[in-house]
PDB file of N, CA and C in Angstrom:
ATOM      1  N   MET A   1      89.498  26.943  26.346  1.00  0.00           N
ATOM      2  CA  MET A   1      88.241  26.994  26.551  1.00  0.00           C
ATOM      3  C   MET A   1      87.459  26.149  27.337  1.00  0.00           C
ATOM      4  N   LYS A   2      86.485  26.831  28.219  1.00  0.00           N
ATOM      5  CA  LYS A   2      85.910  26.027  29.293  1.00  0.00           C
ATOM      6  C   LYS A   2      84.581  25.541  28.895  1.00  0.00           C
ATOM      7  N   GLN A   3      84.286  24.386  29.548  1.00  0.00           N
ATOM      8  CA  GLN A   3      82.727  23.634  29.088  1.00  0.00           C
ATOM      9  C   GLN A   3      81.822  24.474  29.634  1.00  0.00           C
ATOM     10  N   MET A   4      80.653  24.432  29.132  1.00  0.00           N
ATOM     11  CA  MET A   4      79.447  25.250  29.330  1.00  0.00           C
ATOM     12  C   MET A   4      78.252  24.356  29.524  1.00  0.00           C
ATOM     13  N   ARG A   5      77.338  24.691  30.176  1.00  0.00           N
ATOM     14  CA  ARG A   5      76.045  23.672  30.168  1.00  0.00           C
ATOM     15  C   ARG A   5      74.906  24.378  29.553  1.00  0.00           C
ATOM     16  N   GLY A   6      74.391  23.554  28.619  1.00  0.00           N
ATOM     17  CA  GLY A   6      73.177  24.033  27.850  1.00  0.00           C
ATOM     18  C   GLY A   6      72.194  23.419  27.652  1.00  0.00           C
ATOM     19  N   LYS A   7      71.112  23.711  26.940  1.00  0.00           N
ATOM     20  CA  LYS A   7      70.094  22.810  26.613  1.00  0.00           C
ATOM     21  C   LYS A   7      69.901  23.124  25.190  1.00  0.00           C
ATOM     22  N   MET A   8      69.482  21.796  24.493  1.00  0.00           N
ATOM     23  CA  MET A   8      68.984  21.962  23.163  1.00  0.00           C
ATOM     24  C   MET A   8      67.624  22.288  23.045  1.00  0.00           C
ATOM     25  N   VAL A   9      67.544  23.429  22.213  1.00  0.00           N
ATOM     26  CA  VAL A   9      66.246  24.036  22.170  1.00  0.00           C
ATOM     27  C   VAL A   9      65.588  23.964  20.865  1.00  0.00           C
ATOM     28  N   GLY A  10      66.196  23.469  19.837  1.00  0.00           N
ATOM     29  CA  GLY A  10      65.446  23.520  18.622  1.00  0.00           C
ATOM     30  C   GLY A  10      66.438  23.067  17.487  1.00  0.00           C
ATOM     31  N   ARG A  11      65.997  22.834  16.291  1.00  0.00           N
ATOM     32  CA  ARG A  11      66.910  22.495  15.236  1.00  0.00           C
ATOM     33  C   ARG A  11      66.569  23.449  14.024  1.00  0.00           C
ATOM     34  N   VAL A  12      67.453  23.678  13.252  1.00  0.00           N
ATOM     35  CA  VAL A  12      67.321  24.669  12.064  1.00  0.00           C
ATOM     36  C   VAL A  12      67.570  23.476  10.804  1.00  0.00           C
ATOM     37  N   PHE A  13      66.301  23.394  10.098  1.00  0.00           N
ATOM     38  CA  PHE A  13      66.531  22.305   8.986  1.00  0.00           C
ATOM     39  C   PHE A  13      67.041  22.889   7.942  1.00  0.00           C
ATOM     40  N   LEU A  14      68.132  22.183   7.309  1.00  0.00           N
ATOM     41  CA  LEU A  14      68.855  22.614   6.010  1.00  0.00           C
ATOM     42  C   LEU A  14      68.333  22.061   4.829  1.00  0.00           C
ATOM     43  N   GLY A  15      67.698  20.929   4.922  1.00  0.00           N
ATOM     44  CA  GLY A  15      66.994  20.276   3.754  1.00  0.00           C
ATOM     45  C   GLY A  15      68.108  19.475   2.927  1.00  0.00           C
ATOM     46  N   GLY A  16      69.185  19.180   3.452  1.00  0.00           N
ATOM     47  CA  GLY A  16      70.288  18.267   2.780  1.00  0.00           C
ATOM     48  C   GLY A  16      70.218  16.931   3.477  1.00  0.00           C
ATOM     49  N   GLY A  17      71.308  16.486   3.037  1.00  0.00           N
ATOM     50  CA  GLY A  17      71.126  14.964   3.578  1.00  0.00           C
ATOM     51  C   GLY A  17      70.707  13.834   2.591  1.00  0.00           C
ATOM     52  N   GLN A  18      70.726  12.617   3.038  1.00  0.00           N
ATOM     53  CA  GLN A  18      70.154  11.560   2.242  1.00  0.00           C
ATOM     54  C   GLN A  18      68.546  11.754   1.926  1.00  0.00           C
ATOM     55  N   GLU A  19      67.972  12.313   3.029  1.00  0.00           N
ATOM     56  CA  GLU A  19      66.527  12.140   3.117  1.00  0.00           C
ATOM     57  C   GLU A  19      65.979  13.570   3.388  1.00  0.00           C
ATOM     58  N   GLY A  20      66.724  14.595   3.087  1.00  0.00           N
ATOM     59  CA  GLY A  20      66.299  16.047   3.155  1.00  0.00           C
ATOM     60  C   GLY A  20      66.182  16.352   4.838  1.00  0.00           C
ATOM     61  N   GLN A  21      66.878  15.678   5.570  1.00  0.00           N
ATOM     62  CA  GLN A  21      66.624  15.949   6.994  1.00  0.00           C
ATOM     63  C   GLN A  21      67.621  16.657   7.674  1.00  0.00           C
ATOM     64  N   ALA A  22      68.928  16.802   7.083  1.00  0.00           N
ATOM     65  CA  ALA A  22      70.084  17.740   7.624  1.00  0.00           C
ATOM     66  C   ALA A  22      69.695  18.766   8.450  1.00  0.00           C
ATOM     67  N   SER A  23      70.260  19.164   9.577  1.00  0.00           N
ATOM     68  CA  SER A  23      69.911  20.220  10.354  1.00  0.00           C
ATOM     69  C   SER A  23      71.078  20.469  11.162  1.00  0.00           C
ATOM     70  N   LEU A  24      70.872  21.520  11.716  1.00  0.00           N
ATOM     71  CA  LEU A  24      71.690  22.278  12.969  1.00  0.00           C
ATOM     72  C   LEU A  24      71.061  22.132  14.335  1.00  0.00           C
ATOM     73  N   TYR A  25      71.736  21.923  15.066  1.00  0.00           N
ATOM     74  CA  TYR A  25      71.050  22.046  16.631  1.00  0.00           C
ATOM     75  C   TYR A  25      71.354  23.288  17.185  1.00  0.00           C
ATOM     76  N   ARG A  26      70.352  23.843  17.790  1.00  0.00           N
ATOM     77  CA  ARG A  26      70.450  25.187  18.609  1.00  0.00           C
ATOM     78  C   ARG A  26      70.511  24.708  19.998  1.00  0.00           C
ATOM     79  N   ILE A  27      71.521  25.181  20.877  1.00  0.00           N
ATOM     80  CA  ILE A  27      71.736  24.958  21.991  1.00  0.00           C
ATOM     81  C   ILE A  27      71.736  26.351  22.763  1.00  0.00           C
ATOM     82  N   GLU A  28      70.989  26.432  24.002  1.00  0.00           N
ATOM     83  CA  GLU A  28      70.968  27.648  24.584  1.00  0.00           C
ATOM     84  C   GLU A  28      71.679  27.637  25.933  1.00  0.00           C
ATOM     85  N   HIS A  29      72.811  28.526  26.377  1.00  0.00           N
ATOM     86  CA  HIS A  29      73.490  28.547  27.342  1.00  0.00           C
ATOM     87  C   HIS A  29      72.542  28.702  28.610  1.00  0.00           C
ATOM     88  N   LEU A  30      72.696  27.728  29.546  1.00  0.00           N
ATOM     89  CA  LEU A  30      71.606  28.072  30.636  1.00  0.00           C
ATOM     90  C   LEU A  30      71.858  29.110  31.493  1.00  0.00           C
ATOM     91  N   ASP A  31      73.107  29.838  31.618  1.00  0.00           N
ATOM     92  CA  ASP A  31      73.413  31.059  32.473  1.00  0.00           C
ATOM     93  C   ASP A  31      72.978  32.308  31.758  1.00  0.00           C
ATOM     94  N   THR A  32      73.325  32.425  30.585  1.00  0.00           N
ATOM     95  CA  THR A  32      73.386  33.551  29.842  1.00  0.00           C
ATOM     96  C   THR A  32      72.178  33.501  28.831  1.00  0.00           C
ATOM     97  N   GLY A  33      71.661  32.671  28.480  1.00  0.00           N
ATOM     98  CA  GLY A  33      70.686  32.725  27.356  1.00  0.00           C
ATOM     99  C   GLY A  33      71.185  32.772  26.031  1.00  0.00           C
ATOM    100  N   GLN A  34      72.331  32.733  25.877  1.00  0.00           N
ATOM    101  CA  GLN A  34      72.893  32.992  24.330  1.00  0.00           C
ATOM    102  C   GLN A  34      72.773  31.519  23.726  1.00  0.00           C
ATOM    103  N   VAL A  35      72.435  31.691  22.399  1.00  0.00           N
ATOM    104  CA  VAL A  35      72.133  30.377  21.620  1.00  0.00           C
ATOM    105  C   VAL A  35      73.256  30.224  20.680  1.00  0.00           C
ATOM    106  N   TYR A  36      73.862  28.876  20.901  1.00  0.00           N
ATOM    107  CA  TYR A  36      74.792  28.377  19.850  1.00  0.00           C
ATOM    108  C   TYR A  36      74.268  27.506  18.867  1.00  0.00           C
ATOM    109  N   VAL A  37      74.985  27.068  17.848  1.00  0.00           N
ATOM    110  CA  VAL A  37      74.771  26.083  17.081  1.00  0.00           C
ATOM    111  C   VAL A  37      75.764  25.050  16.660  1.00  0.00           C
ATOM    112  N   CYS A  38      75.245  23.862  16.267  1.00  0.00           N
ATOM    113  CA  CYS A  38      76.396  22.948  16.130  1.00  0.00           C
ATOM    114  C   CYS A  38      75.667  21.789  14.948  1.00  0.00           C
ATOM    115  N   ASP A  39      76.624  21.103  14.432  1.00  0.00           N
ATOM    116  CA  ASP A  39      76.286  20.127  13.434  1.00  0.00           C
ATOM    117  C   ASP A  39      76.376  18.785  14.260  1.00  0.00           C
ATOM    118  N   TYR A  40      75.935  17.843  13.522  1.00  0.00           N
ATOM    119  CA  TYR A  40      76.077  16.689  14.241  1.00  0.00           C
ATOM    120  C   TYR A  40      77.506  16.025  14.328  1.00  0.00           C
ATOM    121  N   ILE A  41      78.260  16.502  13.631  1.00  0.00           N
ATOM    122  CA  ILE A  41      79.846  15.982  13.661  1.00  0.00           C
ATOM    123  C   ILE A  41      80.263  16.551  14.969  1.00  0.00           C
ATOM    124  N   GLU A  42      79.726  17.524  15.726  1.00  0.00           N
ATOM    125  CA  GLU A  42      80.349  17.995  16.672  1.00  0.00           C
ATOM    126  C   GLU A  42      79.753  17.381  18.402  1.00  0.00           C
ATOM    127  N   ILE A  43      78.902  16.350  18.001  1.00  0.00           N
ATOM    128  CA  ILE A  43      78.243  15.590  19.123  1.00  0.00           C
ATOM    129  C   ILE A  43      79.300  14.430  19.465  1.00  0.00           C
ATOM    130  N   ALA A  44      79.636  14.407  20.804  1.00  0.00           N
ATOM    131  CA  ALA A  44      80.581  13.247  21.308  1.00  0.00           C
ATOM    132  C   ALA A  44      79.680  12.448  21.784  1.00  0.00           C
ATOM    133  N   SER A  45      79.460  11.288  20.988  1.00  0.00           N
ATOM    134  CA  SER A  45      78.307  10.373  21.630  1.00  0.00           C
ATOM    135  C   SER A  45      78.655   9.130  20.959  1.00  0.00           C
ATOM    136  N   ASP A  46      78.406   7.879  21.668  1.00  0.00           N
ATOM    137  CA  ASP A  46      78.403   6.538  21.127  1.00  0.00           C
ATOM    138  C   ASP A  46      77.041   6.401  20.249  1.00  0.00           C
ATOM    139  N   GLY A  47      77.220   5.765  19.381  1.00  0.00           N
ATOM    140  CA  GLY A  47      76.068   5.448  18.436  1.00  0.00           C
ATOM    141  C   GLY A  47      75.530   6.704  17.749  1.00  0.00           C
ATOM    142  N   PHE A  48      74.048   6.826  17.865  1.00  0.00           N
ATOM    143  CA  PHE A  48      73.653   8.137  16.990  1.00  0.00           C
ATOM    144  C   PHE A  48      74.071   9.227  17.495  1.00  0.00           C
ATOM    145  N   ARG A  49      74.539  10.161  16.570  1.00  0.00           N
ATOM    146  CA  ARG A  49      75.071  11.790  17.019  1.00  0.00           C
ATOM    147  C   ARG A  49      73.746  12.564  16.749  1.00  0.00           C
ATOM    148  N   THR A  50      72.878  12.559  17.770  1.00  0.00           N
ATOM    149  CA  THR A  50      71.578  13.231  17.478  1.00  0.00           C
ATOM    150  C   THR A  50      71.437  13.685  18.957  1.00  0.00           C
ATOM    151  N   LEU A  51      70.605  14.993  18.921  1.00  0.00           N
ATOM    152  CA  LEU A  51      70.076  15.628  20.133  1.00  0.00           C
ATOM    153  C   LEU A  51      68.601  15.561  20.130  1.00  0.00           C
ATOM    154  N   VAL A  52      68.102  15.326  21.387  1.00  0.00           N
ATOM    155  CA  VAL A  52      66.498  15.309  21.571  1.00  0.00           C
ATOM    156  C   VAL A  52      66.359  16.685  22.153  1.00  0.00           C
ATOM    157  N   GLU A  53      65.095  17.422  21.616  1.00  0.00           N
ATOM    158  CA  GLU A  53      64.723  18.772  22.158  1.00  0.00           C
ATOM    159  C   GLU A  53      64.580  18.660  23.599  1.00  0.00           C
ATOM    160  N   GLY A  54      65.270  19.569  24.475  1.00  0.00           N
ATOM    161  CA  GLY A  54      65.016  19.670  25.951  1.00  0.00           C
ATOM    162  C   GLY A  54      66.451  19.026  26.449  1.00  0.00           C
ATOM    163  N   GLU A  55      67.063  18.249  25.837  1.00  0.00           N
ATOM    164  CA  GLU A  55      68.062  17.520  26.323  1.00  0.00           C
ATOM    165  C   GLU A  55      69.308  18.473  26.870  1.00  0.00           C
ATOM    166  N   ASP A  56      69.769  18.050  28.091  1.00  0.00           N
ATOM    167  CA  ASP A  56      70.896  18.960  28.617  1.00  0.00           C
ATOM    168  C   ASP A  56      72.428  18.347  27.980  1.00  0.00           C
ATOM    169  N   VAL A  57      73.107  19.358  27.811  1.00  0.00           N
ATOM    170  CA  VAL A  57      74.485  19.166  27.135  1.00  0.00           C
ATOM    171  C   VAL A  57      75.471  19.825  27.822  1.00  0.00           C
ATOM    172  N   TRP A  58      76.950  19.562  27.759  1.00  0.00           N
ATOM    173  CA  TRP A  58      77.970  20.179  28.057  1.00  0.00           C
ATOM    174  C   TRP A  58      78.620  20.543  26.560  1.00  0.00           C
ATOM    175  N   PHE A  59      78.981  21.701  26.385  1.00  0.00           N
ATOM    176  CA  PHE A  59      79.799  22.148  25.132  1.00  0.00           C
ATOM    177  C   PHE A  59      80.631  23.241  25.496  1.00  0.00           C
ATOM    178  N   THR A  60      81.436  23.276  24.205  1.00  0.00           N
ATOM    179  CA  THR A  60      82.595  24.259  24.382  1.00  0.00           C
ATOM    180  C   THR A  60      82.392  25.273  23.142  1.00  0.00           C
ATOM    181  N   PRO A  61      82.190  26.634  23.583  1.00  0.00           N
ATOM    182  CA  PRO A  61      82.090  27.402  22.413  1.00  0.00           C
ATOM    183  C   PRO A  61      83.304  27.470  21.399  1.00  0.00           C
ATOM    184  N   SER A  62      83.041  27.382  20.116  1.00  0.00           N
ATOM    185  CA  SER A  62      84.052  27.370  19.083  1.00  0.00           C
ATOM    186  C   SER A  62      84.968  28.572  19.262  1.00  0.00           C
ATOM    187  N   PRO A  63      86.341  28.475  19.128  1.00  0.00           N
ATOM    188  CA  PRO A  63      87.215  29.549  19.227  1.00  0.00           C
ATOM    189  C   PRO A  63      87.396  30.170  17.725  1.00  0.00           C
ATOM    190  N   ASP A  64      86.939  29.521  16.734  1.00  0.00           N
ATOM    191  CA  ASP A  64      87.101  29.866  15.334  1.00  0.00           C
ATOM    192  C   ASP A  64      85.805  30.412  14.722  1.00  0.00           C
ATOM    193  N   ARG A  65      84.674  30.011  14.974  1.00  0.00           N
ATOM    194  CA  ARG A  65      83.322  30.636  14.683  1.00  0.00           C
ATOM    195  C   ARG A  65      82.705  30.868  15.553  1.00  0.00           C
ATOM    196  N   GLU A  66      82.123  32.116  15.597  1.00  0.00           N
ATOM    197  CA  GLU A  66      81.159  32.963  16.617  1.00  0.00           C
ATOM    198  C   GLU A  66      79.918  32.350  16.628  1.00  0.00           C
ATOM    199  N   GLY A  67      79.378  32.128  17.811  1.00  0.00           N
ATOM    200  CA  GLY A  67      77.887  31.294  17.946  1.00  0.00           C
ATOM    201  C   GLY A  67      78.028  30.006  17.735  1.00  0.00           C
ATOM    202  N   TRP A  68      79.039  29.237  17.583  1.00  0.00           N
ATOM    203  CA  TRP A  68      79.123  27.857  17.141  1.00  0.00           C
ATOM    204  C   TRP A  68      79.603  27.171  18.464  1.00  0.00           C
ATOM    205  N   ALA A  69      79.057  26.053  18.622  1.00  0.00           N
ATOM    206  CA  ALA A  69      79.397  25.027  19.809  1.00  0.00           C
ATOM    207  C   ALA A  69      80.115  23.749  19.086  1.00  0.00           C
ATOM    208  N   THR A  70      81.119  23.483  19.847  1.00  0.00           N
ATOM    209  CA  THR A  70      82.153  22.382  19.509  1.00  0.00           C
ATOM    210  C   THR A  70      81.928  21.272  20.743  1.00  0.00           C
ATOM    211  N   TYR A  71      82.467  20.098  20.478  1.00  0.00           N
ATOM    212  CA  TYR A  71      82.513  19.166  21.651  1.00  0.00           C
ATOM    213  C   TYR A  71      81.246  19.085  22.264  1.00  0.00           C
ATOM    214  N   VAL A  72      80.028  18.901  21.729  1.00  0.00           N
ATOM    215  CA  VAL A  72      78.895  18.806  22.639  1.00  0.00           C
ATOM    216  C   VAL A  72      78.737  17.314  23.117  1.00  0.00           C
ATOM    217  N   VAL A  73      78.568  17.421  24.393  1.00  0.00           N
ATOM    218  CA  VAL A  73      78.431  16.076  25.022  1.00  0.00           C
ATOM    219  C   VAL A  73      77.176  16.046  25.885  1.00  0.00           C
ATOM    220  N   PRO A  74      76.083  15.173  25.169  1.00  0.00           N
ATOM    221  CA  PRO A  74      74.803  15.056  25.851  1.00  0.00           C
ATOM    222  C   PRO A  74      74.587  14.330  27.027  1.00  0.00           C
ATOM    223  N   LEU A  75      73.944  15.022  27.916  1.00  0.00           N
ATOM    224  CA  LEU A  75      73.786  14.191  29.392  1.00  0.00           C
ATOM    225  C   LEU A  75      72.500  13.610  29.353  1.00  0.00           C
ATOM    226  N   ARG A  76      72.482  12.262  28.839  1.00  0.00           N
ATOM    227  CA  ARG A  76      71.389  11.531  28.476  1.00  0.00           C
ATOM    228  C   ARG A  76      71.040  10.203  29.381  1.00  0.00           C
ATOM    229  N   ASN A  77      69.973   9.767  29.420  1.00  0.00           N
ATOM    230  CA  ASN A  77      69.428   8.497  29.940  1.00  0.00           C
ATOM    231  C   ASN A  77      68.418   8.193  29.099  1.00  0.00           C
ATOM    232  N   LEU A  78      68.529   8.129  27.763  1.00  0.00           N
ATOM    233  CA  LEU A  78      67.594   7.867  26.868  1.00  0.00           C
ATOM    234  C   LEU A  78      67.553   6.548  26.156  1.00  0.00           C
ATOM    235  N   SER A  79      66.791   6.038  25.669  1.00  0.00           N
ATOM    236  CA  SER A  79      66.696   4.590  25.029  1.00  0.00           C
ATOM    237  C   SER A  79      66.715   4.975  23.582  1.00  0.00           C
ATOM    238  N   VAL A  80      66.927   3.955  22.716  1.00  0.00           N
ATOM    239  CA  VAL A  80      67.314   4.054  21.288  1.00  0.00           C
ATOM    240  C   VAL A  80      66.145   4.378  20.797  1.00  0.00           C
ATOM    241  N   LEU A  81      64.867   3.913  21.154  1.00  0.00           N
ATOM    242  CA  LEU A  81      63.388   4.303  20.516  1.00  0.00           C
ATOM    243  C   LEU A  81      63.321   5.940  20.603  1.00  0.00           C
ATOM    244  N   ARG A  82      63.348   6.318  21.996  1.00  0.00           N
ATOM    245  CA  ARG A  82      63.506   7.814  22.047  1.00  0.00           C
ATOM    246  C   ARG A  82      64.308   8.579  21.125  1.00  0.00           C
ATOM    247  N   LEU A  83      65.652   8.262  21.136  1.00  0.00           N
ATOM    248  CA  LEU A  83      66.559   9.026  20.179  1.00  0.00           C
ATOM    249  C   LEU A  83      66.201   8.912  18.958  1.00  0.00           C
ATOM    250  N   LEU A  84      65.342   7.862  18.246  1.00  0.00           N
ATOM    251  CA  LEU A  84      64.903   7.739  16.893  1.00  0.00           C
ATOM    252  C   LEU A  84      63.517   8.427  16.776  1.00  0.00           C
ATOM    253  N   GLY A  85      63.045   8.849  18.084  1.00  0.00           N
ATOM    254  CA  GLY A  85      61.671   9.860  17.863  1.00  0.00           C
ATOM    255  C   GLY A  85      60.554   8.755  17.905  1.00  0.00           C
ATOM    256  N   LEU A  86      60.650   7.648  18.296  1.00  0.00           N
ATOM    257  CA  LEU A  86      59.578   6.610  18.459  1.00  0.00           C
ATOM    258  C   LEU A  86      58.907   6.423  19.706  1.00  0.00           C
ATOM    259  N   PRO A  87      57.645   5.910  19.829  1.00  0.00           N
ATOM    260  CA  PRO A  87      57.036   6.022  21.245  1.00  0.00           C
ATOM    261  C   PRO A  87      57.869   4.671  21.895  1.00  0.00           C
ATOM    262  N   GLU A  88      57.722   4.943  23.148  1.00  0.00           N
ATOM    263  CA  GLU A  88      58.000   3.892  24.120  1.00  0.00           C
ATOM    264  C   GLU A  88      57.133   2.945  24.478  1.00  0.00           C
ATOM    265  N   PRO A  89      57.475   1.746  24.472  1.00  0.00           N
ATOM    266  CA  PRO A  89      56.258   0.749  24.925  1.00  0.00           C
ATOM    267  C   PRO A  89      55.887   1.034  26.179  1.00  0.00           C
ATOM    268  N   PRO A  90      54.627   0.523  26.666  1.00  0.00           N
ATOM    269  CA  PRO A  90      53.984   0.887  28.152  1.00  0.00           C
ATOM    270  C   PRO A  90      54.793  -0.147  28.927  1.00  0.00           C
ATOM    271  N   GLU A  91      55.045   0.369  30.156  1.00  0.00           N
ATOM    272  CA  GLU A  91      55.762  -0.542  31.112  1.00  0.00           C
ATOM    273  C   GLU A  91      54.818  -1.575  31.557  1.00  0.00           C
ATOM    274  N   ARG A  92      55.248  -2.892  31.640  1.00  0.00           N
ATOM    275  CA  ARG A  92      54.424  -3.818  32.110  1.00  0.00           C
ATOM    276  C   ARG A  92      54.460  -4.099  33.435  1.00  0.00           C
ATOM    277  N   PRO A  93      53.244  -4.304  33.895  1.00  0.00           N
ATOM    278  CA  PRO A  93      53.217  -4.359  35.672  1.00  0.00           C
ATOM    279  C   PRO A  93      53.947  -5.818  35.911  1.00  0.00           C
ATOM    280  N   GLU A  94      54.642  -5.597  37.018  1.00  0.00           N
ATOM    281  CA  GLU A  94      55.177  -6.798  37.483  1.00  0.00           C
ATOM    282  C   GLU A  94      54.395  -8.106  37.747  1.00  0.00           C
ATOM    283  N   GLU A  95      54.494  -9.239  37.363  1.00  0.00           N
ATOM    284  CA  GLU A  95      53.660 -10.203  37.522  1.00  0.00           C
ATOM    285  C   GLU A  95      53.875 -10.791  39.017  1.00  0.00           C
ATOM    286  N   PRO A  96      52.651 -10.917  39.757  1.00  0.00           N
ATOM    287  CA  PRO A  96      52.998 -11.314  41.362  1.00  0.00           C
ATOM    288  C   PRO A  96      53.404 -12.447  41.322  1.00  0.00           C
ATOM    289  N   PHE A  97      52.998 -13.476  40.566  1.00  0.00           N
ATOM    290  CA  PHE A  97      53.646 -15.067  40.758  1.00  0.00           C
ATOM    291  C   PHE A  97      55.198 -15.095  40.492  1.00  0.00           C
ATOM    292  N   LEU A  98      55.782 -14.121  39.729  1.00  0.00           N
ATOM    293  CA  LEU A  98      57.311 -14.124  39.853  1.00  0.00           C
ATOM    294  C   LEU A  98      58.112 -13.711  41.054  1.00  0.00           C
ATOM    295  N   LYS A  99      57.419 -13.152  41.806  1.00  0.00           N
ATOM    296  CA  LYS A  99      57.991 -12.650  43.192  1.00  0.00           C
ATOM    297  C   LYS A  99      57.907 -14.043  43.966  1.00  0.00           C
ATOM    298  N   LEU A 100      57.104 -15.072  43.722  1.00  0.00           N
ATOM    299  CA  LEU A 100      56.965 -16.373  44.572  1.00  0.00           C
ATOM    300  C   LEU A 100      58.185 -17.260  44.215  1.00  0.00           C
ATOM    301  N   TRP A 101      58.376 -17.146  42.859  1.00  0.00           N
ATOM    302  CA  TRP A 101      59.327 -18.236  42.271  1.00  0.00           C
ATOM    303  C   TRP A 101      60.831 -17.497  42.321  1.00  0.00           C
ATOM    304  N   MET A 102      60.867 -16.159  42.317  1.00  0.00           N
ATOM    305  CA  MET A 102      62.391 -15.483  42.263  1.00  0.00           C
ATOM    306  C   MET A 102      62.881 -15.310  43.698  1.00  0.00           C
TER     307      MET A 102
END
């Protein structure tokens, strides 16, 4: 199977898991618009296996299950705070005195 480019467009909440937050991720193929779903176990990522809405991914359609994505690779440059859905702290302006000493 060949890898395809997609975008995570939403979640389907199943209500399971430790806190009732288990869900499937909906991935839209960028060329055809076909929507695939995947579970967190299919996400190939270090750390948290999660996707953020609007995030670009590479994926392979499952040969066994119609409409399912497997080997989902997120294309990200996200902080841990963003992955957890927490607000990013504001950027601090550069101190002019640091330029003098550095």
